[in-house]
Amino acid sequence: MNNNRNISIIEHMVDYCDAISKYVERFGDSFEVFKTDSAYKDACSMCILQIGELSIHLTDDFKQAYGEIPWKKVRAMRNVFAHNYEHMSYEKTWLTIQQDVPALKMFCEDVLQQYNILQQPAVVVDYNEDSDAEEQFDSEDGIEQ
Protein backbone atom coordinates (compact mmCIF):
# COMPACT_ATOMS: atom_id res chain seq x y z
CA MET A 1 0.00 0.00 0.00
CA ASN A 2 2.87 2.41 0.76
CA ASN A 3 4.26 1.91 -2.75
CA ASN A 4 0.94 2.92 -4.26
CA ARG A 5 0.75 5.92 -1.92
CA ASN A 6 4.26 7.05 -2.86
CA ILE A 7 3.56 6.56 -6.56
CA SER A 8 0.31 8.51 -6.34
CA ILE A 9 2.13 11.36 -4.61
CA ILE A 10 4.89 11.34 -7.22
CA GLU A 11 2.28 11.44 -10.02
CA HIS A 12 0.68 14.49 -8.40
CA MET A 13 4.08 16.16 -8.08
CA VAL A 14 4.57 15.72 -11.82
CA ASP A 15 1.19 17.37 -12.38
CA TYR A 16 2.26 20.41 -10.35
CA CYS A 17 5.62 20.57 -12.14
CA ASP A 18 3.73 20.50 -15.45
CA ALA A 19 1.43 23.28 -14.24
CA ILE A 20 4.43 25.45 -13.39
CA SER A 21 5.87 24.81 -16.87
CA LYS A 22 2.57 25.90 -18.39
CA TYR A 23 2.58 29.10 -16.32
CA VAL A 24 6.11 29.89 -17.49
CA GLU A 25 5.01 29.29 -21.06
CA ARG A 26 1.89 31.42 -20.61
CA PHE A 27 3.40 34.36 -18.73
CA GLY A 28 6.90 34.25 -20.21
CA ASP A 29 10.27 32.99 -19.14
CA SER A 30 11.28 36.29 -17.60
CA PHE A 31 12.18 37.07 -14.01
CA GLU A 32 11.16 40.70 -14.58
CA VAL A 33 7.64 39.62 -15.54
CA PHE A 34 7.51 37.09 -12.70
CA LYS A 35 8.42 39.54 -9.96
CA THR A 36 5.89 42.15 -11.13
CA ASP A 37 2.94 39.89 -12.04
CA SER A 38 1.09 38.76 -8.92
CA ALA A 39 -0.97 36.17 -10.82
CA TYR A 40 2.22 34.58 -12.15
CA LYS A 41 3.85 34.56 -8.69
CA ASP A 42 0.73 33.26 -6.97
CA ALA A 43 0.11 30.48 -9.49
CA CYS A 44 3.67 29.15 -9.36
CA SER A 45 3.94 29.60 -5.61
CA MET A 46 0.75 27.63 -5.00
CA CYS A 47 2.12 24.75 -7.07
CA ILE A 48 5.40 24.82 -5.15
CA LEU A 49 3.45 24.86 -1.90
CA GLN A 50 1.44 21.84 -3.05
CA ILE A 51 4.61 19.96 -4.03
CA GLY A 52 5.97 20.63 -0.56
CA GLU A 53 2.73 19.48 1.04
CA LEU A 54 2.79 16.28 -0.99
CA SER A 55 6.39 15.61 -0.01
CA ILE A 56 5.37 15.49 3.64
CA HIS A 57 3.20 12.45 2.89
CA LEU A 58 5.92 10.37 1.22
CA THR A 59 7.07 7.52 3.43
CA ASP A 60 10.28 7.96 5.36
CA ASP A 61 11.71 4.90 3.60
CA PHE A 62 11.04 6.49 0.22
CA LYS A 63 12.67 9.78 1.22
CA GLN A 64 15.65 7.93 2.63
CA ALA A 65 16.01 5.75 -0.47
CA TYR A 66 15.88 8.84 -2.69
CA GLY A 67 17.99 11.13 -0.56
CA GLU A 68 19.36 12.98 -3.58
CA ILE A 69 16.22 15.13 -3.38
CA PRO A 70 16.49 17.67 -0.53
CA TRP A 71 13.12 16.74 0.98
CA LYS A 72 13.60 18.98 4.03
CA LYS A 73 14.18 21.98 1.76
CA VAL A 74 11.10 21.11 -0.28
CA ARG A 75 9.09 21.07 2.93
CA ALA A 76 10.74 24.26 4.21
CA MET A 77 9.81 26.14 1.05
CA ARG A 78 6.23 24.95 1.49
CA ASN A 79 6.26 26.33 5.02
CA VAL A 80 7.50 29.73 3.83
CA PHE A 81 4.72 29.92 1.26
CA ALA A 82 2.09 28.72 3.72
CA HIS A 83 3.07 30.82 6.73
CA ASN A 84 5.21 33.72 5.53
CA TYR A 85 4.20 34.31 1.91
CA GLU A 86 4.58 38.08 2.04
CA HIS A 87 8.27 37.66 2.87
CA MET A 88 9.16 35.10 0.22
CA SER A 89 12.19 35.76 -1.94
CA TYR A 90 11.26 36.30 -5.57
CA GLU A 91 14.80 35.37 -6.60
CA LYS A 92 14.75 32.05 -4.71
CA THR A 93 11.30 31.26 -6.04
CA TRP A 94 12.41 32.01 -9.60
CA LEU A 95 15.50 29.81 -9.20
CA THR A 96 13.25 27.06 -7.88
CA ILE A 97 11.00 27.41 -10.92
CA GLN A 98 13.94 27.46 -13.35
CA GLN A 99 16.18 24.79 -11.81
CA ASP A 100 14.61 22.76 -9.03
CA VAL A 101 11.18 22.12 -10.53
CA PRO A 102 12.54 20.68 -13.81
CA ALA A 103 15.01 18.52 -11.85
CA LEU A 104 12.24 17.31 -9.55
CA LYS A 105 10.03 16.52 -12.53
CA MET A 106 12.81 14.50 -14.16
CA PHE A 107 13.39 12.62 -10.89
CA CYS A 108 9.66 11.88 -10.52
CA GLU A 109 9.37 10.68 -14.11
CA ASP A 110 12.35 8.36 -13.59
CA VAL A 111 10.74 6.91 -10.44
CA LEU A 112 7.46 6.39 -12.30
CA GLN A 113 9.26 4.73 -15.20
CA GLN A 114 11.07 2.37 -12.83
CA TYR A 115 7.83 1.59 -11.05
CA ASN A 116 6.03 0.88 -14.33
CA ILE A 117 8.82 -1.46 -15.43
CA LEU A 118 8.62 -3.34 -12.14
CA GLN A 119 4.84 -3.63 -12.49
CA GLN A 120 5.03 -5.36 -15.86
CA PRO A 121 3.96 -8.99 -15.74
CA ALA A 122 6.65 -11.58 -16.12
CA VAL A 123 6.90 -13.30 -19.48
CA VAL A 124 5.58 -16.84 -19.44
CA VAL A 125 7.69 -19.14 -21.57
CA ASP A 126 6.49 -22.51 -22.77
CA TYR A 127 9.76 -24.39 -22.95
CA ASN A 128 8.14 -27.27 -24.84
CA GLU A 129 7.59 -24.95 -27.82
CA ASP A 130 11.20 -23.78 -27.71
CA SER A 131 12.81 -27.20 -28.24
CA ASP A 132 14.05 -26.26 -31.75
CA ALA A 133 15.66 -23.10 -30.38
CA GLU A 134 17.26 -25.09 -27.58
CA GLU A 135 18.68 -27.63 -30.04
CA GLN A 136 20.07 -24.82 -32.20
CA PHE A 137 21.56 -23.11 -29.14
CA ASP A 138 23.11 -26.31 -27.91
CA SER A 139 24.59 -27.17 -31.33
CA GLU A 140 26.07 -23.65 -31.73
CA ASP A 141 27.87 -24.00 -28.41
CA GLY A 142 29.17 -27.43 -29.29
CA ILE A 143 27.18 -29.02 -26.47
CA GLU A 144 25.93 -32.48 -27.25
CA GLN A 145 22.77 -33.76 -25.67
C-alpha atoms as a PDB file:
ATOM      1  CA  MET A   1       0.000   0.000   0.000  1.00  0.00           C
ATOM      2  CA  ASN A   2       2.866   2.412   0.757  1.00  0.00           C
ATOM      3  CA  ASN A   3       4.264   1.910  -2.751  1.00  0.00           C
ATOM      4  CA  ASN A   4       0.941   2.920  -4.255  1.00  0.00           C
ATOM      5  CA  ARG A   5       0.750   5.922  -1.915  1.00  0.00           C
ATOM      6  CA  ASN A   6       4.257   7.055  -2.860  1.00  0.00           C
ATOM      7  CA  ILE A   7       3.562   6.558  -6.557  1.00  0.00           C
ATOM      8  CA  SER A   8       0.307   8.506  -6.345  1.00  0.00           C
ATOM      9  CA  ILE A   9       2.131  11.363  -4.615  1.00  0.00           C
ATOM     10  CA  ILE A  10       4.891  11.337  -7.223  1.00  0.00           C
ATOM     11  CA  GLU A  11       2.277  11.442 -10.016  1.00  0.00           C
ATOM     12  CA  HIS A  12       0.677  14.489  -8.396  1.00  0.00           C
ATOM     13  CA  MET A  13       4.075  16.160  -8.080  1.00  0.00           C
ATOM     14  CA  VAL A  14       4.573  15.719 -11.823  1.00  0.00           C
ATOM     15  CA  ASP A  15       1.187  17.368 -12.383  1.00  0.00           C
ATOM     16  CA  TYR A  16       2.256  20.411 -10.351  1.00  0.00           C
ATOM     17  CA  CYS A  17       5.619  20.571 -12.137  1.00  0.00           C
ATOM     18  CA  ASP A  18       3.733  20.504 -15.447  1.00  0.00           C
ATOM     19  CA  ALA A  19       1.429  23.278 -14.245  1.00  0.00           C
ATOM     20  CA  ILE A  20       4.433  25.452 -13.393  1.00  0.00           C
ATOM     21  CA  SER A  21       5.869  24.808 -16.867  1.00  0.00           C
ATOM     22  CA  LYS A  22       2.566  25.903 -18.395  1.00  0.00           C
ATOM     23  CA  TYR A  23       2.584  29.102 -16.317  1.00  0.00           C
ATOM     24  CA  VAL A  24       6.112  29.890 -17.486  1.00  0.00           C
ATOM     25  CA  GLU A  25       5.006  29.290 -21.063  1.00  0.00           C
ATOM     26  CA  ARG A  26       1.886  31.423 -20.606  1.00  0.00           C
ATOM     27  CA  PHE A  27       3.401  34.362 -18.732  1.00  0.00           C
ATOM     28  CA  GLY A  28       6.896  34.250 -20.205  1.00  0.00           C
ATOM     29  CA  ASP A  29      10.270  32.990 -19.143  1.00  0.00           C
ATOM     30  CA  SER A  30      11.284  36.290 -17.597  1.00  0.00           C
ATOM     31  CA  PHE A  31      12.185  37.074 -14.007  1.00  0.00           C
ATOM     32  CA  GLU A  32      11.163  40.705 -14.579  1.00  0.00           C
ATOM     33  CA  VAL A  33       7.644  39.619 -15.539  1.00  0.00           C
ATOM     34  CA  PHE A  34       7.513  37.092 -12.704  1.00  0.00           C
ATOM     35  CA  LYS A  35       8.418  39.536  -9.960  1.00  0.00           C
ATOM     36  CA  THR A  36       5.888  42.149 -11.133  1.00  0.00           C
ATOM     37  CA  ASP A  37       2.939  39.892 -12.036  1.00  0.00           C
ATOM     38  CA  SER A  38       1.088  38.757  -8.917  1.00  0.00           C
ATOM     39  CA  ALA A  39      -0.974  36.175 -10.817  1.00  0.00           C
ATOM     40  CA  TYR A  40       2.221  34.576 -12.148  1.00  0.00           C
ATOM     41  CA  LYS A  41       3.846  34.555  -8.691  1.00  0.00           C
ATOM     42  CA  ASP A  42       0.727  33.264  -6.970  1.00  0.00           C
ATOM     43  CA  ALA A  43       0.109  30.484  -9.486  1.00  0.00           C
ATOM     44  CA  CYS A  44       3.667  29.152  -9.356  1.00  0.00           C
ATOM     45  CA  SER A  45       3.938  29.598  -5.608  1.00  0.00           C
ATOM     46  CA  MET A  46       0.752  27.626  -4.999  1.00  0.00           C
ATOM     47  CA  CYS A  47       2.123  24.746  -7.068  1.00  0.00           C
ATOM     48  CA  ILE A  48       5.401  24.824  -5.150  1.00  0.00           C
ATOM     49  CA  LEU A  49       3.447  24.865  -1.898  1.00  0.00           C
ATOM     50  CA  GLN A  50       1.441  21.835  -3.046  1.00  0.00           C
ATOM     51  CA  ILE A  51       4.609  19.963  -4.032  1.00  0.00           C
ATOM     52  CA  GLY A  52       5.965  20.634  -0.560  1.00  0.00           C
ATOM     53  CA  GLU A  53       2.728  19.480   1.037  1.00  0.00           C
ATOM     54  CA  LEU A  54       2.786  16.278  -0.991  1.00  0.00           C
ATOM     55  CA  SER A  55       6.394  15.606  -0.008  1.00  0.00           C
ATOM     56  CA  ILE A  56       5.365  15.488   3.642  1.00  0.00           C
ATOM     57  CA  HIS A  57       3.200  12.448   2.885  1.00  0.00           C
ATOM     58  CA  LEU A  58       5.922  10.371   1.221  1.00  0.00           C
ATOM     59  CA  THR A  59       7.067   7.519   3.428  1.00  0.00           C
ATOM     60  CA  ASP A  60      10.284   7.965   5.359  1.00  0.00           C
ATOM     61  CA  ASP A  61      11.705   4.899   3.603  1.00  0.00           C
ATOM     62  CA  PHE A  62      11.043   6.487   0.218  1.00  0.00           C
ATOM     63  CA  LYS A  63      12.671   9.780   1.217  1.00  0.00           C
ATOM     64  CA  GLN A  64      15.651   7.932   2.632  1.00  0.00           C
ATOM     65  CA  ALA A  65      16.008   5.750  -0.474  1.00  0.00           C
ATOM     66  CA  TYR A  66      15.876   8.844  -2.687  1.00  0.00           C
ATOM     67  CA  GLY A  67      17.986  11.132  -0.556  1.00  0.00           C
ATOM     68  CA  GLU A  68      19.355  12.983  -3.581  1.00  0.00           C
ATOM     69  CA  ILE A  69      16.220  15.129  -3.383  1.00  0.00           C
ATOM     70  CA  PRO A  70      16.493  17.669  -0.533  1.00  0.00           C
ATOM     71  CA  TRP A  71      13.121  16.740   0.975  1.00  0.00           C
ATOM     72  CA  LYS A  72      13.601  18.978   4.027  1.00  0.00           C
ATOM     73  CA  LYS A  73      14.185  21.981   1.763  1.00  0.00           C
ATOM     74  CA  VAL A  74      11.102  21.109  -0.276  1.00  0.00           C
ATOM     75  CA  ARG A  75       9.090  21.070   2.931  1.00  0.00           C
ATOM     76  CA  ALA A  76      10.740  24.263   4.209  1.00  0.00           C
ATOM     77  CA  MET A  77       9.806  26.138   1.049  1.00  0.00           C
ATOM     78  CA  ARG A  78       6.232  24.950   1.492  1.00  0.00           C
ATOM     79  CA  ASN A  79       6.264  26.332   5.020  1.00  0.00           C
ATOM     80  CA  VAL A  80       7.497  29.731   3.832  1.00  0.00           C
ATOM     81  CA  PHE A  81       4.721  29.919   1.263  1.00  0.00           C
ATOM     82  CA  ALA A  82       2.089  28.723   3.718  1.00  0.00           C
ATOM     83  CA  HIS A  83       3.070  30.818   6.729  1.00  0.00           C
ATOM     84  CA  ASN A  84       5.206  33.715   5.529  1.00  0.00           C
ATOM     85  CA  TYR A  85       4.199  34.314   1.910  1.00  0.00           C
ATOM     86  CA  GLU A  86       4.578  38.080   2.043  1.00  0.00           C
ATOM     87  CA  HIS A  87       8.273  37.662   2.868  1.00  0.00           C
ATOM     88  CA  MET A  88       9.161  35.100   0.215  1.00  0.00           C
ATOM     89  CA  SER A  89      12.191  35.758  -1.940  1.00  0.00           C
ATOM     90  CA  TYR A  90      11.259  36.301  -5.574  1.00  0.00           C
ATOM     91  CA  GLU A  91      14.795  35.368  -6.599  1.00  0.00           C
ATOM     92  CA  LYS A  92      14.753  32.052  -4.707  1.00  0.00           C
ATOM     93  CA  THR A  93      11.300  31.260  -6.039  1.00  0.00           C
ATOM     94  CA  TRP A  94      12.411  32.015  -9.596  1.00  0.00           C
ATOM     95  CA  LEU A  95      15.496  29.815  -9.202  1.00  0.00           C
ATOM     96  CA  THR A  96      13.251  27.061  -7.879  1.00  0.00           C
ATOM     97  CA  ILE A  97      11.005  27.411 -10.922  1.00  0.00           C
ATOM     98  CA  GLN A  98      13.935  27.458 -13.348  1.00  0.00           C
ATOM     99  CA  GLN A  99      16.181  24.791 -11.810  1.00  0.00           C
ATOM    100  CA  ASP A 100      14.607  22.760  -9.033  1.00  0.00           C
ATOM    101  CA  VAL A 101      11.179  22.119 -10.527  1.00  0.00           C
ATOM    102  CA  PRO A 102      12.545  20.678 -13.814  1.00  0.00           C
ATOM    103  CA  ALA A 103      15.012  18.521 -11.848  1.00  0.00           C
ATOM    104  CA  LEU A 104      12.239  17.309  -9.550  1.00  0.00           C
ATOM    105  CA  LYS A 105      10.034  16.516 -12.529  1.00  0.00           C
ATOM    106  CA  MET A 106      12.812  14.497 -14.158  1.00  0.00           C
ATOM    107  CA  PHE A 107      13.385  12.624 -10.892  1.00  0.00           C
ATOM    108  CA  CYS A 108       9.658  11.884 -10.522  1.00  0.00           C
ATOM    109  CA  GLU A 109       9.369  10.681 -14.106  1.00  0.00           C
ATOM    110  CA  ASP A 110      12.346   8.359 -13.586  1.00  0.00           C
ATOM    111  CA  VAL A 111      10.738   6.911 -10.443  1.00  0.00           C
ATOM    112  CA  LEU A 112       7.459   6.390 -12.297  1.00  0.00           C
ATOM    113  CA  GLN A 113       9.257   4.726 -15.205  1.00  0.00           C
ATOM    114  CA  GLN A 114      11.072   2.365 -12.828  1.00  0.00           C
ATOM    115  CA  TYR A 115       7.826   1.586 -11.047  1.00  0.00           C
ATOM    116  CA  ASN A 116       6.032   0.876 -14.329  1.00  0.00           C
ATOM    117  CA  ILE A 117       8.815  -1.459 -15.433  1.00  0.00           C
ATOM    118  CA  LEU A 118       8.618  -3.341 -12.143  1.00  0.00           C
ATOM    119  CA  GLN A 119       4.836  -3.634 -12.486  1.00  0.00           C
ATOM    120  CA  GLN A 120       5.031  -5.362 -15.864  1.00  0.00           C
ATOM    121  CA  PRO A 121       3.962  -8.987 -15.741  1.00  0.00           C
ATOM    122  CA  ALA A 122       6.650 -11.582 -16.120  1.00  0.00           C
ATOM    123  CA  VAL A 123       6.896 -13.304 -19.479  1.00  0.00           C
ATOM    124  CA  VAL A 124       5.580 -16.842 -19.437  1.00  0.00           C
ATOM    125  CA  VAL A 125       7.690 -19.136 -21.574  1.00  0.00           C
ATOM    126  CA  ASP A 126       6.490 -22.509 -22.771  1.00  0.00           C
ATOM    127  CA  TYR A 127       9.757 -24.392 -22.946  1.00  0.00           C
ATOM    128  CA  ASN A 128       8.142 -27.267 -24.839  1.00  0.00           C
ATOM    129  CA  GLU A 129       7.589 -24.947 -27.816  1.00  0.00           C
ATOM    130  CA  ASP A 130      11.205 -23.785 -27.706  1.00  0.00           C
ATOM    131  CA  SER A 131      12.807 -27.201 -28.244  1.00  0.00           C
ATOM    132  CA  ASP A 132      14.046 -26.255 -31.752  1.00  0.00           C
ATOM    133  CA  ALA A 133      15.662 -23.102 -30.380  1.00  0.00           C
ATOM    134  CA  GLU A 134      17.260 -25.088 -27.576  1.00  0.00           C
ATOM    135  CA  GLU A 135      18.678 -27.625 -30.040  1.00  0.00           C
ATOM    136  CA  GLN A 136      20.066 -24.817 -32.198  1.00  0.00           C
ATOM    137  CA  PHE A 137      21.559 -23.110 -29.140  1.00  0.00           C
ATOM    138  CA  ASP A 138      23.113 -26.307 -27.911  1.00  0.00           C
ATOM    139  CA  SER A 139      24.587 -27.170 -31.331  1.00  0.00           C
ATOM    140  CA  GLU A 140      26.073 -23.651 -31.735  1.00  0.00           C
ATOM    141  CA  ASP A 141      27.874 -23.999 -28.414  1.00  0.00           C
ATOM    142  CA  GLY A 142      29.168 -27.433 -29.286  1.00  0.00           C
ATOM    143  CA  ILE A 143      27.181 -29.021 -26.466  1.00  0.00           C
ATOM    144  CA  GLU A 144      25.926 -32.482 -27.251  1.00  0.00           C
ATOM    145  CA  GLN A 145      22.773 -33.761 -25.672  1.00  0.00           C
END
